[in-house]
Amino acid sequence: MFVAPAVVPLSAVTAGLPAATNVNFYANGALIGSSAASPYGLVWSNPPLGGFALVAVATGDGASTTSAVVNITILSNAAPTVSISTPADGAGLMAPANIGISATASDDFGISTVAF
C-alpha cells in the first residue's frame, strides 16, 4: 500500500534469463517503463490512485519471461470524511424524545469508529 503522491521503486532479477538485455515494467497491462541495464529497475513516480497488478517482462536472446504478479494499491492522502445523516439538518423534534443519530463516514484506510 502506498499513499499519494507516491514513489514506487521497481526492480527485477533475471535469474531465469541470464542473457537478459531489457526488462519492461507493466501496471495493469500498460507499459510504465523499461530498464536496459542490470540491475534492472525504475521508479514509478506519481502513479494514479487505485489498484495495480505489476509485472516485469525480461527479454534477451530471442526469449522472454514474465514475473509473478505483485499487487499494490495507491491511496489518497485525504482526511477521512464524516457527516450526520439522521436526523436531517434543521429537523424539529419534540421533547422528551429519544433521538437516533446516524452518520456516514469514509476513508481510504477504512473507518473503525465514529464517536458522537
PDB file of N, CA and C in Angstrom:
ATOM      1  N   MET A   1       0.844  -1.163   0.000  1.00  0.00           N
ATOM      2  CA  MET A   1       0.000   0.000   0.000  1.00  0.00           C
ATOM      3  C   MET A   1       0.900   1.240   0.000  1.00  0.00           C
ATOM      4  N   PHE A   2       0.592   2.188  -0.875  1.00  0.00           N
ATOM      5  CA  PHE A   2       1.317   3.439  -0.987  1.00  0.00           C
ATOM      6  C   PHE A   2       0.331   4.587  -0.871  1.00  0.00           C
ATOM      7  N   VAL A   3       0.781   5.718  -0.344  1.00  0.00           N
ATOM      8  CA  VAL A   3      -0.071   6.883  -0.188  1.00  0.00           C
ATOM      9  C   VAL A   3       0.392   7.954  -1.170  1.00  0.00           C
ATOM     10  N   ALA A   4      -0.565   8.503  -1.922  1.00  0.00           N
ATOM     11  CA  ALA A   4      -0.262   9.539  -2.917  1.00  0.00           C
ATOM     12  C   ALA A   4       0.143  10.835  -2.229  1.00  0.00           C
ATOM     13  N   PRO A   5       1.017  11.609  -2.816  1.00  0.00           N
ATOM     14  CA  PRO A   5       1.748  11.315  -4.056  1.00  0.00           C
ATOM     15  C   PRO A   5       2.817  10.267  -3.781  1.00  0.00           C
ATOM     16  N   ALA A   6       2.788   9.189  -4.518  1.00  0.00           N
ATOM     17  CA  ALA A   6       3.645   8.037  -4.236  1.00  0.00           C
ATOM     18  C   ALA A   6       4.857   7.980  -5.150  1.00  0.00           C
ATOM     19  N   VAL A   7       5.891   7.345  -4.624  1.00  0.00           N
ATOM     20  CA  VAL A   7       7.079   6.996  -5.394  1.00  0.00           C
ATOM     21  C   VAL A   7       7.248   5.495  -5.189  1.00  0.00           C
ATOM     22  N   VAL A   8       7.101   4.728  -6.272  1.00  0.00           N
ATOM     23  CA  VAL A   8       7.121   3.267  -6.184  1.00  0.00           C
ATOM     24  C   VAL A   8       8.390   2.748  -6.859  1.00  0.00           C
ATOM     25  N   PRO A   9       9.358   2.257  -6.073  1.00  0.00           N
ATOM     26  CA  PRO A   9      10.565   1.694  -6.678  1.00  0.00           C
ATOM     27  C   PRO A   9      10.274   0.287  -7.207  1.00  0.00           C
ATOM     28  N   LEU A  10      10.704   0.011  -8.427  1.00  0.00           N
ATOM     29  CA  LEU A  10      10.511  -1.297  -9.051  1.00  0.00           C
ATOM     30  C   LEU A  10      11.872  -1.872  -9.405  1.00  0.00           C
ATOM     31  N   SER A  11      12.041  -3.165  -9.169  1.00  0.00           N
ATOM     32  CA  SER A  11      13.284  -3.825  -9.570  1.00  0.00           C
ATOM     33  C   SER A  11      12.977  -5.259  -9.963  1.00  0.00           C
ATOM     34  N   ALA A  12      13.840  -5.801 -10.803  1.00  0.00           N
ATOM     35  CA  ALA A  12      13.653  -7.177 -11.276  1.00  0.00           C
ATOM     36  C   ALA A  12      14.998  -7.877 -11.311  1.00  0.00           C
ATOM     37  N   VAL A  13      14.994  -9.151 -10.957  1.00  0.00           N
ATOM     38  CA  VAL A  13      16.175 -10.005 -11.038  1.00  0.00           C
ATOM     39  C   VAL A  13      15.910 -11.003 -12.152  1.00  0.00           C
ATOM     40  N   THR A  14      16.866 -11.160 -13.045  1.00  0.00           N
ATOM     41  CA  THR A  14      16.663 -12.016 -14.223  1.00  0.00           C
ATOM     42  C   THR A  14      17.399 -13.339 -14.080  1.00  0.00           C
ATOM     43  N   ALA A  15      17.213 -14.012 -12.971  1.00  0.00           N
ATOM     44  CA  ALA A  15      17.911 -15.269 -12.699  1.00  0.00           C
ATOM     45  C   ALA A  15      17.581 -16.355 -13.726  1.00  0.00           C
ATOM     46  N   GLY A  16      16.340 -16.392 -14.212  1.00  0.00           N
ATOM     47  CA  GLY A  16      15.947 -17.418 -15.168  1.00  0.00           C
ATOM     48  C   GLY A  16      16.334 -17.090 -16.599  1.00  0.00           C
ATOM     49  N   LEU A  17      16.832 -15.883 -16.838  1.00  0.00           N
ATOM     50  CA  LEU A  17      17.187 -15.441 -18.179  1.00  0.00           C
ATOM     51  C   LEU A  17      18.505 -14.656 -18.075  1.00  0.00           C
ATOM     52  N   PRO A  18      19.625 -15.381 -17.916  1.00  0.00           N
ATOM     53  CA  PRO A  18      20.899 -14.701 -17.651  1.00  0.00           C
ATOM     54  C   PRO A  18      21.361 -13.771 -18.768  1.00  0.00           C
ATOM     55  N   ALA A  19      20.885 -13.962 -19.995  1.00  0.00           N
ATOM     56  CA  ALA A  19      21.305 -13.105 -21.104  1.00  0.00           C
ATOM     57  C   ALA A  19      20.291 -11.993 -21.359  1.00  0.00           C
ATOM     58  N   ALA A  20      19.560 -11.597 -20.321  1.00  0.00           N
ATOM     59  CA  ALA A  20      18.543 -10.557 -20.485  1.00  0.00           C
ATOM     60  C   ALA A  20      19.192  -9.253 -20.919  1.00  0.00           C
ATOM     61  N   THR A  21      18.527  -8.575 -21.842  1.00  0.00           N
ATOM     62  CA  THR A  21      19.037  -7.295 -22.330  1.00  0.00           C
ATOM     63  C   THR A  21      18.074  -6.151 -22.030  1.00  0.00           C
ATOM     64  N   ASN A  22      16.858  -6.482 -21.575  1.00  0.00           N
ATOM     65  CA  ASN A  22      15.865  -5.454 -21.310  1.00  0.00           C
ATOM     66  C   ASN A  22      14.794  -6.007 -20.380  1.00  0.00           C
ATOM     67  N   VAL A  23      14.278  -5.153 -19.511  1.00  0.00           N
ATOM     68  CA  VAL A  23      13.130  -5.508 -18.677  1.00  0.00           C
ATOM     69  C   VAL A  23      12.099  -4.399 -18.809  1.00  0.00           C
ATOM     70  N   ASN A  24      10.885  -4.786 -19.212  1.00  0.00           N
ATOM     71  CA  ASN A  24       9.754  -3.860 -19.283  1.00  0.00           C
ATOM     72  C   ASN A  24       8.884  -4.062 -18.055  1.00  0.00           C
ATOM     73  N   PHE A  25       8.425  -2.951 -17.476  1.00  0.00           N
ATOM     74  CA  PHE A  25       7.565  -2.996 -16.303  1.00  0.00           C
ATOM     75  C   PHE A  25       6.163  -2.552 -16.701  1.00  0.00           C
ATOM     76  N   TYR A  26       5.142  -3.319 -16.260  1.00  0.00           N
ATOM     77  CA  TYR A  26       3.750  -3.060 -16.627  1.00  0.00           C
ATOM     78  C   TYR A  26       2.885  -2.923 -15.366  1.00  0.00           C
ATOM     79  N   ALA A  27       1.896  -2.037 -15.463  1.00  0.00           N
ATOM     80  CA  ALA A  27       0.876  -1.888 -14.426  1.00  0.00           C
ATOM     81  C   ALA A  27      -0.476  -2.083 -15.096  1.00  0.00           C
ATOM     82  N   ASN A  28      -1.194  -3.112 -14.687  1.00  0.00           N
ATOM     83  CA  ASN A  28      -2.496  -3.449 -15.291  1.00  0.00           C
ATOM     84  C   ASN A  28      -2.388  -3.577 -16.803  1.00  0.00           C
ATOM     85  N   GLY A  29      -1.280  -4.130 -17.279  1.00  0.00           N
ATOM     86  CA  GLY A  29      -1.089  -4.378 -18.700  1.00  0.00           C
ATOM     87  C   GLY A  29      -0.526  -3.216 -19.490  1.00  0.00           C
ATOM     88  N   ALA A  30      -0.402  -2.050 -18.883  1.00  0.00           N
ATOM     89  CA  ALA A  30       0.131  -0.870 -19.587  1.00  0.00           C
ATOM     90  C   ALA A  30       1.608  -0.684 -19.242  1.00  0.00           C
ATOM     91  N   LEU A  31       2.424  -0.470 -20.252  1.00  0.00           N
ATOM     92  CA  LEU A  31       3.857  -0.253 -20.043  1.00  0.00           C
ATOM     93  C   LEU A  31       4.074   1.034 -19.250  1.00  0.00           C
ATOM     94  N   ILE A  32       4.832   0.930 -18.138  1.00  0.00           N
ATOM     95  CA  ILE A  32       5.132   2.134 -17.352  1.00  0.00           C
ATOM     96  C   ILE A  32       6.609   2.502 -17.430  1.00  0.00           C
ATOM     97  N   GLY A  33       7.435   1.611 -17.999  1.00  0.00           N
ATOM     98  CA  GLY A  33       8.850   1.942 -18.154  1.00  0.00           C
ATOM     99  C   GLY A  33       9.685   0.731 -18.467  1.00  0.00           C
ATOM    100  N   SER A  34      10.933   1.002 -18.848  1.00  0.00           N
ATOM    101  CA  SER A  34      11.869  -0.062 -19.221  1.00  0.00           C
ATOM    102  C   SER A  34      13.220   0.196 -18.581  1.00  0.00           C
ATOM    103  N   SER A  35      13.981  -0.883 -18.445  1.00  0.00           N
ATOM    104  CA  SER A  35      15.349  -0.786 -17.954  1.00  0.00           C
ATOM    105  C   SER A  35      16.204  -1.685 -18.840  1.00  0.00           C
ATOM    106  N   ALA A  36      17.314  -1.118 -19.363  1.00  0.00           N
ATOM    107  CA  ALA A  36      18.153  -1.859 -20.304  1.00  0.00           C
ATOM    108  C   ALA A  36      19.484  -2.288 -19.706  1.00  0.00           C
ATOM    109  N   ALA A  37      19.668  -2.090 -18.410  1.00  0.00           N
ATOM    110  CA  ALA A  37      20.945  -2.456 -17.794  1.00  0.00           C
ATOM    111  C   ALA A  37      20.709  -3.045 -16.408  1.00  0.00           C
ATOM    112  N   SER A  38      21.514  -4.024 -16.069  1.00  0.00           N
ATOM    113  CA  SER A  38      21.447  -4.624 -14.738  1.00  0.00           C
ATOM    114  C   SER A  38      22.130  -3.691 -13.738  1.00  0.00           C
ATOM    115  N   PRO A  39      21.635  -3.487 -12.553  1.00  0.00           N
ATOM    116  CA  PRO A  39      20.396  -4.048 -12.012  1.00  0.00           C
ATOM    117  C   PRO A  39      19.172  -3.392 -12.644  1.00  0.00           C
ATOM    118  N   TYR A  40      18.206  -4.207 -13.030  1.00  0.00           N
ATOM    119  CA  TYR A  40      17.029  -3.728 -13.747  1.00  0.00           C
ATOM    120  C   TYR A  40      16.050  -3.090 -12.760  1.00  0.00           C
ATOM    121  N   GLY A  41      15.705  -1.856 -13.024  1.00  0.00           N
ATOM    122  CA  GLY A  41      14.758  -1.185 -12.139  1.00  0.00           C
ATOM    123  C   GLY A  41      14.402   0.189 -12.651  1.00  0.00           C
ATOM    124  N   LEU A  42      13.398   0.754 -12.027  1.00  0.00           N
ATOM    125  CA  LEU A  42      12.984   2.121 -12.297  1.00  0.00           C
ATOM    126  C   LEU A  42      12.146   2.600 -11.129  1.00  0.00           C
ATOM    127  N   VAL A  43      11.851   3.884 -11.144  1.00  0.00           N
ATOM    128  CA  VAL A  43      10.992   4.479 -10.125  1.00  0.00           C
ATOM    129  C   VAL A  43       9.734   4.977 -10.814  1.00  0.00           C
ATOM    130  N   TRP A  44       8.587   4.497 -10.356  1.00  0.00           N
ATOM    131  CA  TRP A  44       7.289   4.930 -10.877  1.00  0.00           C
ATOM    132  C   TRP A  44       6.821   6.076  -9.991  1.00  0.00           C
ATOM    133  N   SER A  45       6.916   7.295 -10.507  1.00  0.00           N
ATOM    134  CA  SER A  45       6.568   8.476  -9.723  1.00  0.00           C
ATOM    135  C   SER A  45       5.146   8.923 -10.006  1.00  0.00           C
ATOM    136  N   ASN A  46       4.450   9.260  -8.925  1.00  0.00           N
ATOM    137  CA  ASN A  46       3.097   9.807  -9.010  1.00  0.00           C
ATOM    138  C   ASN A  46       2.103   8.936  -9.774  1.00  0.00           C
ATOM    139  N   PRO A  47       2.032   7.641  -9.493  1.00  0.00           N
ATOM    140  CA  PRO A  47       1.016   6.830 -10.171  1.00  0.00           C
ATOM    141  C   PRO A  47      -0.375   7.288  -9.746  1.00  0.00           C
ATOM    142  N   PRO A  48      -1.388   7.031 -10.566  1.00  0.00           N
ATOM    143  CA  PRO A  48      -2.750   7.423 -10.194  1.00  0.00           C
ATOM    144  C   PRO A  48      -3.270   6.575  -9.028  1.00  0.00           C
ATOM    145  N   LEU A  49      -4.341   7.025  -8.418  1.00  0.00           N
ATOM    146  CA  LEU A  49      -4.963   6.278  -7.326  1.00  0.00           C
ATOM    147  C   LEU A  49      -5.578   4.998  -7.871  1.00  0.00           C
ATOM    148  N   GLY A  50      -5.570   3.959  -7.051  1.00  0.00           N
ATOM    149  CA  GLY A  50      -6.220   2.716  -7.446  1.00  0.00           C
ATOM    150  C   GLY A  50      -5.359   1.495  -7.184  1.00  0.00           C
ATOM    151  N   GLY A  51      -5.857   0.368  -7.656  1.00  0.00           N
ATOM    152  CA  GLY A  51      -5.150  -0.904  -7.508  1.00  0.00           C
ATOM    153  C   GLY A  51      -4.434  -1.265  -8.792  1.00  0.00           C
ATOM    154  N   PHE A  52      -3.257  -1.850  -8.660  1.00  0.00           N
ATOM    155  CA  PHE A  52      -2.450  -2.188  -9.823  1.00  0.00           C
ATOM    156  C   PHE A  52      -1.837  -3.571  -9.679  1.00  0.00           C
ATOM    157  N   ALA A  53      -1.866  -4.318 -10.784  1.00  0.00           N
ATOM    158  CA  ALA A  53      -1.169  -5.593 -10.888  1.00  0.00           C
ATOM    159  C   ALA A  53       0.119  -5.318 -11.654  1.00  0.00           C
ATOM    160  N   LEU A  54       1.253  -5.430 -10.982  1.00  0.00           N
ATOM    161  CA  LEU A  54       2.548  -5.136 -11.588  1.00  0.00           C
ATOM    162  C   LEU A  54       3.224  -6.415 -12.053  1.00  0.00           C
ATOM    163  N   VAL A  55       3.836  -6.372 -13.243  1.00  0.00           N
ATOM    164  CA  VAL A  55       4.657  -7.473 -13.738  1.00  0.00           C
ATOM    165  C   VAL A  55       5.878  -6.895 -14.447  1.00  0.00           C
ATOM    166  N   ALA A  56       6.914  -7.700 -14.483  1.00  0.00           N
ATOM    167  CA  ALA A  56       8.124  -7.363 -15.234  1.00  0.00           C
ATOM    168  C   ALA A  56       8.309  -8.434 -16.301  1.00  0.00           C
ATOM    169  N   VAL A  57       8.674  -8.003 -17.506  1.00  0.00           N
ATOM    170  CA  VAL A  57       8.932  -8.933 -18.604  1.00  0.00           C
ATOM    171  C   VAL A  57      10.377  -8.725 -19.054  1.00  0.00           C
ATOM    172  N   ALA A  58      11.191  -9.769 -18.867  1.00  0.00           N
ATOM    173  CA  ALA A  58      12.598  -9.719 -19.268  1.00  0.00           C
ATOM    174  C   ALA A  58      12.745 -10.367 -20.636  1.00  0.00           C
ATOM    175  N   THR A  59      13.556  -9.744 -21.507  1.00  0.00           N
ATOM    176  CA  THR A  59      13.809 -10.308 -22.837  1.00  0.00           C
ATOM    177  C   THR A  59      15.303 -10.350 -23.097  1.00  0.00           C
ATOM    178  N   GLY A  60      15.694 -11.291 -23.941  1.00  0.00           N
ATOM    179  CA  GLY A  60      17.087 -11.426 -24.336  1.00  0.00           C
ATOM    180  C   GLY A  60      17.296 -12.704 -25.119  1.00  0.00           C
ATOM    181  N   ASP A  61      18.183 -12.665 -26.088  1.00  0.00           N
ATOM    182  CA  ASP A  61      18.493 -13.821 -26.931  1.00  0.00           C
ATOM    183  C   ASP A  61      17.249 -14.470 -27.523  1.00  0.00           C
ATOM    184  N   GLY A  62      16.273 -13.655 -27.919  1.00  0.00           N
ATOM    185  CA  GLY A  62      15.061 -14.163 -28.557  1.00  0.00           C
ATOM    186  C   GLY A  62      14.076 -14.815 -27.613  1.00  0.00           C
ATOM    187  N   ALA A  63      14.324 -14.751 -26.323  1.00  0.00           N
ATOM    188  CA  ALA A  63      13.422 -15.358 -25.340  1.00  0.00           C
ATOM    189  C   ALA A  63      12.905 -14.274 -24.405  1.00  0.00           C
ATOM    190  N   SER A  64      11.819 -14.589 -23.719  1.00  0.00           N
ATOM    191  CA  SER A  64      11.306 -13.669 -22.704  1.00  0.00           C
ATOM    192  C   SER A  64      10.699 -14.468 -21.563  1.00  0.00           C
ATOM    193  N   THR A  65      10.629 -13.830 -20.420  1.00  0.00           N
ATOM    194  CA  THR A  65       9.994 -14.449 -19.261  1.00  0.00           C
ATOM    195  C   THR A  65       9.276 -13.355 -18.480  1.00  0.00           C
ATOM    196  N   THR A  66       8.156 -13.731 -17.874  1.00  0.00           N
ATOM    197  CA  THR A  66       7.325 -12.783 -17.142  1.00  0.00           C
ATOM    198  C   THR A  66       7.338 -13.124 -15.661  1.00  0.00           C
ATOM    199  N   SER A  67       7.470 -12.098 -14.840  1.00  0.00           N
ATOM    200  CA  SER A  67       7.485 -12.289 -13.387  1.00  0.00           C
ATOM    201  C   SER A  67       6.099 -12.668 -12.872  1.00  0.00           C
ATOM    202  N   ALA A  68       6.067 -13.056 -11.618  1.00  0.00           N
ATOM    203  CA  ALA A  68       4.798 -13.222 -10.922  1.00  0.00           C
ATOM    204  C   ALA A  68       4.187 -11.839 -10.730  1.00  0.00           C
ATOM    205  N   VAL A  69       2.888 -11.794 -10.571  1.00  0.00           N
ATOM    206  CA  VAL A  69       2.178 -10.529 -10.361  1.00  0.00           C
ATOM    207  C   VAL A  69       2.403 -10.044  -8.929  1.00  0.00           C
ATOM    208  N   VAL A  70       2.643  -8.742  -8.797  1.00  0.00           N
ATOM    209  CA  VAL A  70       2.701  -8.090  -7.494  1.00  0.00           C
ATOM    210  C   VAL A  70       1.592  -7.047  -7.486  1.00  0.00           C
ATOM    211  N   ASN A  71       0.662  -7.178  -6.537  1.00  0.00           N
ATOM    212  CA  ASN A  71      -0.462  -6.248  -6.444  1.00  0.00           C
ATOM    213  C   ASN A  71      -0.161  -5.140  -5.446  1.00  0.00           C
ATOM    214  N   ILE A  72      -0.418  -3.899  -5.859  1.00  0.00           N
ATOM    215  CA  ILE A  72      -0.250  -2.758  -4.965  1.00  0.00           C
ATOM    216  C   ILE A  72      -1.487  -1.873  -5.057  1.00  0.00           C
ATOM    217  N   THR A  73      -1.644  -0.999  -4.067  1.00  0.00           N
ATOM    218  CA  THR A  73      -2.731  -0.032  -4.053  1.00  0.00           C
ATOM    219  C   THR A  73      -2.151   1.340  -3.758  1.00  0.00           C
ATOM    220  N   ILE A  74      -2.596   2.329  -4.510  1.00  0.00           N
ATOM    221  CA  ILE A  74      -2.228   3.719  -4.272  1.00  0.00           C
ATOM    222  C   ILE A  74      -3.457   4.400  -3.680  1.00  0.00           C
ATOM    223  N   LEU A  75      -3.324   4.894  -2.456  1.00  0.00           N
ATOM    224  CA  LEU A  75      -4.425   5.527  -1.752  1.00  0.00           C
ATOM    225  C   LEU A  75      -4.222   7.031  -1.691  1.00  0.00           C
ATOM    226  N   SER A  76      -5.306   7.765  -1.534  1.00  0.00           N
ATOM    227  CA  SER A  76      -5.182   9.218  -1.430  1.00  0.00           C
ATOM    228  C   SER A  76      -4.734   9.593  -0.032  1.00  0.00           C
ATOM    229  N   ASN A  77      -4.220  10.780   0.077  1.00  0.00           N
ATOM    230  CA  ASN A  77      -3.765  11.299   1.364  1.00  0.00           C
ATOM    231  C   ASN A  77      -4.829  12.195   1.971  1.00  0.00           C
ATOM    232  N   ALA A  78      -6.064  12.038   1.524  1.00  0.00           N
ATOM    233  CA  ALA A  78      -7.160  12.881   2.001  1.00  0.00           C
ATOM    234  C   ALA A  78      -7.566  12.497   3.417  1.00  0.00           C
ATOM    235  N   ALA A  79      -8.042  13.470   4.156  1.00  0.00           N
ATOM    236  CA  ALA A  79      -8.553  13.224   5.500  1.00  0.00           C
ATOM    237  C   ALA A  79      -9.863  12.442   5.406  1.00  0.00           C
ATOM    238  N   PRO A  80     -10.188  11.692   6.445  1.00  0.00           N
ATOM    239  CA  PRO A  80     -11.472  10.988   6.447  1.00  0.00           C
ATOM    240  C   PRO A  80     -12.625  11.992   6.386  1.00  0.00           C
ATOM    241  N   THR A  81     -13.761  11.529   5.905  1.00  0.00           N
ATOM    242  CA  THR A  81     -14.953  12.378   5.878  1.00  0.00           C
ATOM    243  C   THR A  81     -16.035  11.754   6.746  1.00  0.00           C
ATOM    244  N   VAL A  82     -16.848  12.590   7.354  1.00  0.00           N
ATOM    245  CA  VAL A  82     -17.977  12.115   8.161  1.00  0.00           C
ATOM    246  C   VAL A  82     -19.090  13.150   8.087  1.00  0.00           C
ATOM    247  N   SER A  83     -20.328  12.668   8.007  1.00  0.00           N
ATOM    248  CA  SER A  83     -21.482  13.563   8.032  1.00  0.00           C
ATOM    249  C   SER A  83     -22.636  12.876   8.737  1.00  0.00           C
ATOM    250  N   ILE A  84     -23.409  13.664   9.472  1.00  0.00           N
ATOM    251  CA  ILE A  84     -24.588  13.126  10.157  1.00  0.00           C
ATOM    252  C   ILE A  84     -25.704  12.987   9.131  1.00  0.00           C
ATOM    253  N   SER A  85     -26.242  11.768   9.035  1.00  0.00           N
ATOM    254  CA  SER A  85     -27.304  11.521   8.070  1.00  0.00           C
ATOM    255  C   SER A  85     -28.686  11.518   8.715  1.00  0.00           C
ATOM    256  N   THR A  86     -28.769  11.232  10.010  1.00  0.00           N
ATOM    257  CA  THR A  86     -30.035  11.269  10.753  1.00  0.00           C
ATOM    258  C   THR A  86     -29.765  11.851  12.131  1.00  0.00           C
ATOM    259  N   PRO A  87     -30.512  12.810  12.622  1.00  0.00           N
ATOM    260  CA  PRO A  87     -31.665  13.445  11.990  1.00  0.00           C
ATOM    261  C   PRO A  87     -31.230  14.421  10.909  1.00  0.00           C
ATOM    262  N   ALA A  88     -32.170  14.801  10.056  1.00  0.00           N
ATOM    263  CA  ALA A  88     -31.877  15.746   8.980  1.00  0.00           C
ATOM    264  C   ALA A  88     -31.558  17.115   9.561  1.00  0.00           C
ATOM    265  N   ASP A  89     -30.720  17.857   8.868  1.00  0.00           N
ATOM    266  CA  ASP A  89     -30.368  19.213   9.282  1.00  0.00           C
ATOM    267  C   ASP A  89     -31.636  20.066   9.392  1.00  0.00           C
ATOM    268  N   GLY A  90     -31.820  20.717  10.518  1.00  0.00           N
ATOM    269  CA  GLY A  90     -32.977  21.586  10.742  1.00  0.00           C
ATOM    270  C   GLY A  90     -34.228  20.860  11.181  1.00  0.00           C
ATOM    271  N   ALA A  91     -34.142  19.553  11.461  1.00  0.00           N
ATOM    272  CA  ALA A  91     -35.326  18.785  11.852  1.00  0.00           C
ATOM    273  C   ALA A  91     -35.868  19.304  13.183  1.00  0.00           C
ATOM    274  N   GLY A  92     -37.196  19.368  13.310  1.00  0.00           N
ATOM    275  CA  GLY A  92     -37.847  19.750  14.563  1.00  0.00           C
ATOM    276  C   GLY A  92     -38.205  18.495  15.338  1.00  0.00           C
ATOM    277  N   LEU A  93     -37.833  18.456  16.599  1.00  0.00           N
ATOM    278  CA  LEU A  93     -38.099  17.283  17.437  1.00  0.00           C
ATOM    279  C   LEU A  93     -38.793  17.747  18.710  1.00  0.00           C
ATOM    280  N   MET A  94     -39.726  16.953  19.207  1.00  0.00           N
ATOM    281  CA  MET A  94     -40.462  17.321  20.420  1.00  0.00           C
ATOM    282  C   MET A  94     -39.850  16.626  21.621  1.00  0.00           C
ATOM    283  N   ALA A  95     -39.693  17.389  22.685  1.00  0.00           N
ATOM    284  CA  ALA A  95     -39.163  16.837  23.930  1.00  0.00           C
ATOM    285  C   ALA A  95     -40.317  16.254  24.720  1.00  0.00           C
ATOM    286  N   PRO A  96     -40.120  15.289  25.503  1.00  0.00           N
ATOM    287  CA  PRO A  96     -38.923  14.440  25.572  1.00  0.00           C
ATOM    288  C   PRO A  96     -38.900  13.481  24.391  1.00  0.00           C
ATOM    289  N   ALA A  97     -37.727  13.192  23.915  1.00  0.00           N
ATOM    290  CA  ALA A  97     -37.611  12.325  22.736  1.00  0.00           C
ATOM    291  C   ALA A  97     -36.342  11.505  22.815  1.00  0.00           C
ATOM    292  N   ASN A  98     -36.425  10.327  22.281  1.00  0.00           N
ATOM    293  CA  ASN A  98     -35.218   9.528  22.031  1.00  0.00           C
ATOM    294  C   ASN A  98     -34.815   9.839  20.605  1.00  0.00           C
ATOM    295  N   ILE A  99     -33.634  10.392  20.429  1.00  0.00           N
ATOM    296  CA  ILE A  99     -33.199  10.835  19.103  1.00  0.00           C
ATOM    297  C   ILE A  99     -32.124   9.882  18.594  1.00  0.00           C
ATOM    298  N   GLY A 100     -32.465   9.209  17.511  1.00  0.00           N
ATOM    299  CA  GLY A 100     -31.488   8.333  16.870  1.00  0.00           C
ATOM    300  C   GLY A 100     -30.544   9.158  16.005  1.00  0.00           C
ATOM    301  N   ILE A 101     -29.268   8.917  16.144  1.00  0.00           N
ATOM    302  CA  ILE A 101     -28.270   9.637  15.345  1.00  0.00           C
ATOM    303  C   ILE A 101     -27.494   8.607  14.540  1.00  0.00           C
ATOM    304  N   SER A 102     -27.356   8.874  13.239  1.00  0.00           N
ATOM    305  CA  SER A 102     -26.529   8.008  12.404  1.00  0.00           C
ATOM    306  C   SER A 102     -25.629   8.879  11.534  1.00  0.00           C
ATOM    307  N   ALA A 103     -24.544   8.307  11.107  1.00  0.00           N
ATOM    308  CA  ALA A 103     -23.561   9.060  10.319  1.00  0.00           C
ATOM    309  C   ALA A 103     -23.024   8.187   9.208  1.00  0.00           C
ATOM    310  N   THR A 104     -22.520   8.852   8.188  1.00  0.00           N
ATOM    311  CA  THR A 104     -21.837   8.196   7.090  1.00  0.00           C
ATOM    312  C   THR A 104     -20.383   8.654   7.129  1.00  0.00           C
ATOM    313  N   ALA A 105     -19.461   7.706   7.109  1.00  0.00           N
ATOM    314  CA  ALA A 105     -18.041   8.037   7.184  1.00  0.00           C
ATOM    315  C   ALA A 105     -17.273   7.230   6.158  1.00  0.00           C
ATOM    316  N   SER A 106     -16.197   7.824   5.622  1.00  0.00           N
ATOM    317  CA  SER A 106     -15.363   7.086   4.673  1.00  0.00           C
ATOM    318  C   SER A 106     -13.912   7.544   4.778  1.00  0.00           C
ATOM    319  N   ASP A 107     -13.031   6.640   4.411  1.00  0.00           N
ATOM    320  CA  ASP A 107     -11.592   6.896   4.397  1.00  0.00           C
ATOM    321  C   ASP A 107     -10.942   5.803   3.578  1.00  0.00           C
ATOM    322  N   ASP A 108      -9.859   6.137   2.892  1.00  0.00           N
ATOM    323  CA  ASP A 108      -9.145   5.142   2.085  1.00  0.00           C
ATOM    324  C   ASP A 108      -8.649   3.963   2.898  1.00  0.00           C
ATOM    325  N   PHE A 109      -8.373   4.184   4.172  1.00  0.00           N
ATOM    326  CA  PHE A 109      -7.824   3.130   5.012  1.00  0.00           C
ATOM    327  C   PHE A 109      -8.896   2.389   5.790  1.00  0.00           C
ATOM    328  N   GLY A 110     -10.157   2.823   5.686  1.00  0.00           N
ATOM    329  CA  GLY A 110     -11.251   2.199   6.411  1.00  0.00           C
ATOM    330  C   GLY A 110     -11.581   2.983   7.673  1.00  0.00           C
ATOM    331  N   ILE A 111     -12.799   2.858   8.129  1.00  0.00           N
ATOM    332  CA  ILE A 111     -13.268   3.538   9.343  1.00  0.00           C
ATOM    333  C   ILE A 111     -13.458   2.488  10.413  1.00  0.00           C
ATOM    334  N   SER A 112     -12.871   2.714  11.590  1.00  0.00           N
ATOM    335  CA  SER A 112     -13.038   1.760  12.673  1.00  0.00           C
ATOM    336  C   SER A 112     -14.017   2.262  13.723  1.00  0.00           C
ATOM    337  N   THR A 113     -14.147   3.590  13.898  1.00  0.00           N
ATOM    338  CA  THR A 113     -15.010   4.144  14.935  1.00  0.00           C
ATOM    339  C   THR A 113     -15.545   5.497  14.527  1.00  0.00           C
ATOM    340  N   VAL A 114     -16.812   5.726  14.828  1.00  0.00           N
ATOM    341  CA  VAL A 114     -17.402   7.070  14.722  1.00  0.00           C
ATOM    342  C   VAL A 114     -17.968   7.365  16.102  1.00  0.00           C
ATOM    343  N   ALA A 115     -17.509   8.467  16.699  1.00  0.00           N
ATOM    344  CA  ALA A 115     -17.990   8.838  18.042  1.00  0.00           C
ATOM    345  C   ALA A 115     -18.937  10.014  17.928  1.00  0.00           C
ATOM    346  N   PHE A 116     -19.999   9.996  18.731  1.00  0.00           N
ATOM    347  CA  PHE A 116     -20.973  11.083  18.741  1.00  0.00           C
ATOM    348  C   PHE A 116     -20.847  11.850  20.039  1.00  0.00           C
TER     349      PHE A 116
END
